[in-house]
C-alpha atoms as a PDB file:
ATOM      1  CA  ALA A   1      -1.260 -21.074   6.383  1.00  0.00           C
ATOM      2  CA  ASN A   2      -2.649 -24.431   5.406  1.00  0.00           C
ATOM      3  CA  CYS A   3      -4.143 -23.023   2.281  1.00  0.00           C
ATOM      4  CA  THR A   4      -2.722 -24.239  -0.993  1.00  0.00           C
ATOM      5  CA  ASP A   5      -3.229 -24.217  -4.556  1.00  0.00           C
ATOM      6  CA  GLU A   6      -5.387 -27.426  -4.500  1.00  0.00           C
ATOM      7  CA  THR A   7      -7.582 -25.817  -1.566  1.00  0.00           C
ATOM      8  CA  LEU A   8      -8.366 -22.763  -3.969  1.00  0.00           C
ATOM      9  CA  GLY A   9      -9.404 -24.901  -6.921  1.00  0.00           C
ATOM     10  CA  ALA A  10     -11.599 -27.017  -4.309  1.00  0.00           C
ATOM     11  CA  LEU A  11     -13.632 -23.959  -3.712  1.00  0.00           C
ATOM     12  CA  SER A  12     -14.615 -23.223  -6.940  1.00  0.00           C
ATOM     13  CA  LEU A  13     -18.201 -24.388  -6.204  1.00  0.00           C
ATOM     14  CA  LEU A  14     -18.462 -21.696  -4.111  1.00  0.00           C
ATOM     15  CA  SER A  15     -16.881 -18.940  -5.844  1.00  0.00           C
ATOM     16  CA  GLU A  16     -19.970 -16.837  -6.237  1.00  0.00           C
ATOM     17  CA  VAL A  17     -20.566 -16.440  -2.769  1.00  0.00           C
ATOM     18  CA  ILE A  18     -16.948 -15.346  -1.851  1.00  0.00           C
ATOM     19  CA  VAL A  19     -16.262 -11.774  -1.431  1.00  0.00           C
ATOM     20  CA  ASP A  20     -13.204 -11.828   0.994  1.00  0.00           C
ATOM     21  CA  ALA A  21     -10.347 -13.930   0.438  1.00  0.00           C
ATOM     22  CA  GLU A  22      -7.683 -13.559   3.352  1.00  0.00           C
ATOM     23  CA  LEU A  23      -4.688 -15.431   1.727  1.00  0.00           C
ATOM     24  CA  ALA A  24      -1.906 -13.928   3.640  1.00  0.00           C
ATOM     25  CA  ARG A  25       0.943 -16.072   4.729  1.00  0.00           C
ATOM     26  CA  THR A  26      -0.268 -19.128   2.784  1.00  0.00           C
ATOM     27  CA  GLN A  27       1.246 -21.514   0.299  1.00  0.00           C
ATOM     28  CA  ILE A  28      -0.348 -20.264  -2.905  1.00  0.00           C
ATOM     29  CA  THR A  29       1.480 -19.679  -6.057  1.00  0.00           C
ATOM     30  CA  ASP A  30       0.605 -18.278  -9.230  1.00  0.00           C
ATOM     31  CA  THR A  31      -1.244 -21.383 -10.366  1.00  0.00           C
ATOM     32  CA  GLY A  32      -3.653 -21.261  -7.450  1.00  0.00           C
ATOM     33  CA  LEU A  33      -4.331 -17.615  -7.897  1.00  0.00           C
ATOM     34  CA  ALA A  34      -5.462 -18.720 -11.262  1.00  0.00           C
ATOM     35  CA  ALA A  35      -8.230 -20.322  -9.715  1.00  0.00           C
ATOM     36  CA  LEU A  36      -9.795 -17.026  -8.264  1.00  0.00           C
ATOM     37  CA  SER A  37     -10.330 -15.713 -11.774  1.00  0.00           C
ATOM     38  CA  GLY A  38     -13.774 -17.269 -11.711  1.00  0.00           C
ATOM     39  CA  TRP A  39     -14.449 -15.711  -8.337  1.00  0.00           C
ATOM     40  CA  LYS A  40     -16.553 -12.686  -9.618  1.00  0.00           C
ATOM     41  CA  ASN A  41     -17.929 -10.987  -6.768  1.00  0.00           C
ATOM     42  CA  LEU A  42     -14.529 -11.123  -4.784  1.00  0.00           C
ATOM     43  CA  ARG A  43     -14.135  -7.526  -3.216  1.00  0.00           C
ATOM     44  CA  ARG A  44     -11.069  -8.166  -1.089  1.00  0.00           C
ATOM     45  CA  LEU A  45      -7.861  -9.973  -1.752  1.00  0.00           C
ATOM     46  CA  ASP A  46      -5.083 -10.347   1.105  1.00  0.00           C
ATOM     47  CA  LEU A  47      -1.847 -12.030  -0.699  1.00  0.00           C
ATOM     48  CA  THR A  48       0.427 -10.621   2.133  1.00  0.00           C
ATOM     49  CA  ALA A  49       3.828 -12.850   2.456  1.00  0.00           C
ATOM     50  CA  THR A  50       2.805 -15.333  -0.539  1.00  0.00           C
ATOM     51  CA  ALA A  51       4.878 -16.069  -3.737  1.00  0.00           C
ATOM     52  CA  ILE A  52       2.474 -14.570  -5.923  1.00  0.00           C
ATOM     53  CA  THR A  53       4.171 -12.588  -8.977  1.00  0.00           C
ATOM     54  CA  VAL A  54       3.107 -10.086 -11.265  1.00  0.00           C
ATOM     55  CA  GLU A  55       2.480 -12.847 -13.897  1.00  0.00           C
ATOM     56  CA  GLY A  56       0.132 -14.203 -11.570  1.00  0.00           C
ATOM     57  CA  LEU A  57      -1.773 -11.078 -11.104  1.00  0.00           C
ATOM     58  CA  ARG A  58      -2.810 -11.139 -14.859  1.00  0.00           C
ATOM     59  CA  SER A  59      -5.182 -13.853 -14.043  1.00  0.00           C
ATOM     60  CA  ILE A  60      -7.231 -11.677 -11.704  1.00  0.00           C
ATOM     61  CA  LEU A  61      -7.653  -8.876 -14.186  1.00  0.00           C
ATOM     62  CA  GLU A  62     -11.341  -9.575 -14.839  1.00  0.00           C
ATOM     63  CA  LEU A  63     -12.381  -9.627 -11.048  1.00  0.00           C
ATOM     64  CA  GLU A  64     -14.221  -6.227 -11.732  1.00  0.00           C
ATOM     65  CA  LYS A  65     -15.766  -5.879  -8.152  1.00  0.00           C
ATOM     66  CA  LEU A  66     -12.159  -6.288  -6.556  1.00  0.00           C
ATOM     67  CA  GLU A  67     -11.716  -2.949  -4.260  1.00  0.00           C
ATOM     68  CA  PHE A  68      -8.836  -4.154  -1.969  1.00  0.00           C
ATOM     69  CA  LEU A  69      -5.618  -5.748  -2.925  1.00  0.00           C
ATOM     70  CA  ASN A  70      -2.742  -6.409  -0.521  1.00  0.00           C
ATOM     71  CA  LEU A  71       0.596  -7.306  -1.950  1.00  0.00           C
ATOM     72  CA  THR A  72       2.942  -6.769   1.047  1.00  0.00           C
ATOM     73  CA  ASP A  73       6.017  -8.747   1.176  1.00  0.00           C
ATOM     74  CA  THR A  74       5.305 -10.498  -2.304  1.00  0.00           C
ATOM     75  CA  PRO A  75       7.896 -10.688  -5.259  1.00  0.00           C
ATOM     76  CA  THR A  76       5.859  -7.958  -6.982  1.00  0.00           C
ATOM     77  CA  ASP A  77       7.214  -4.773  -8.634  1.00  0.00           C
ATOM     78  CA  TRP A  78       4.833  -1.764  -8.615  1.00  0.00           C
ATOM     79  CA  THR A  79       6.293  -0.787 -12.148  1.00  0.00           C
ATOM     80  CA  LYS A  80       5.353  -4.121 -13.824  1.00  0.00           C
ATOM     81  CA  LEU A  81       1.734  -4.327 -12.415  1.00  0.00           C
ATOM     82  CA  PRO A  82      -0.681  -4.312 -15.403  1.00  0.00           C
ATOM     83  CA  PRO A  83      -2.296  -1.060 -15.896  1.00  0.00           C
ATOM     84  CA  GLU A  84      -5.535  -2.630 -15.734  1.00  0.00           C
ATOM     85  CA  LEU A  85      -4.897  -3.054 -12.155  1.00  0.00           C
ATOM     86  CA  THR A  86      -3.239   0.036 -11.459  1.00  0.00           C
ATOM     87  CA  GLN A  87      -5.422   2.472 -13.204  1.00  0.00           C
ATOM     88  CA  ARG A  88      -8.808   0.702 -12.039  1.00  0.00           C
ATOM     89  CA  ALA A  89     -11.053   3.287 -10.487  1.00  0.00           C
ATOM     90  CA  GLY A  90     -12.059   2.154  -6.896  1.00  0.00           C
ATOM     91  CA  LEU A  91      -9.277  -0.322  -6.452  1.00  0.00           C
ATOM     92  CA  LYS A  92      -6.879   0.377  -3.491  1.00  0.00           C
ATOM     93  CA  ILE A  93      -3.465  -1.685  -3.997  1.00  0.00           C
ATOM     94  CA  TYR A  94      -1.139  -1.831  -0.925  1.00  0.00           C
ATOM     95  CA  GLY A  95       2.102  -3.286   0.096  1.00  0.00           C
ATOM     96  CA  LEU A  96       4.479  -2.212  -2.733  1.00  0.00           C
ATOM     97  CA  SER A  97       7.385  -0.235  -2.313  1.00  0.00           C
ATOM     98  CA  GLY A  98       6.806   2.973  -4.472  1.00  0.00           C
ATOM     99  CA  SER A  99       3.087   2.663  -4.306  1.00  0.00           C
ATOM    100  CA  LYS A 100       0.606   5.472  -4.461  1.00  0.00           C
ATOM    101  CA  ASP A 101      -0.847   5.151  -0.770  1.00  0.00           C
END
């Protein structure tokens, strides 16, 4: 849980080879999540028990290869997620009350 917004920024040089980001129970915020917008090969993203909000999730809309997104215990509301995420073919979103899974 030592990963912070600054850590994610420092990883930008490796962004093309990162396909799985296990960020559960870390200190990242919406600001740090914005650093992931350039991680074009990211397939799995676990944000369990982080402070990520719906507004922060907008920064990952361009991650076209994303297949798995875990939002368990985050302050997100299923009804307010961008349709670009909720309706994306091949993307499974877990951990939201009222979710489809």
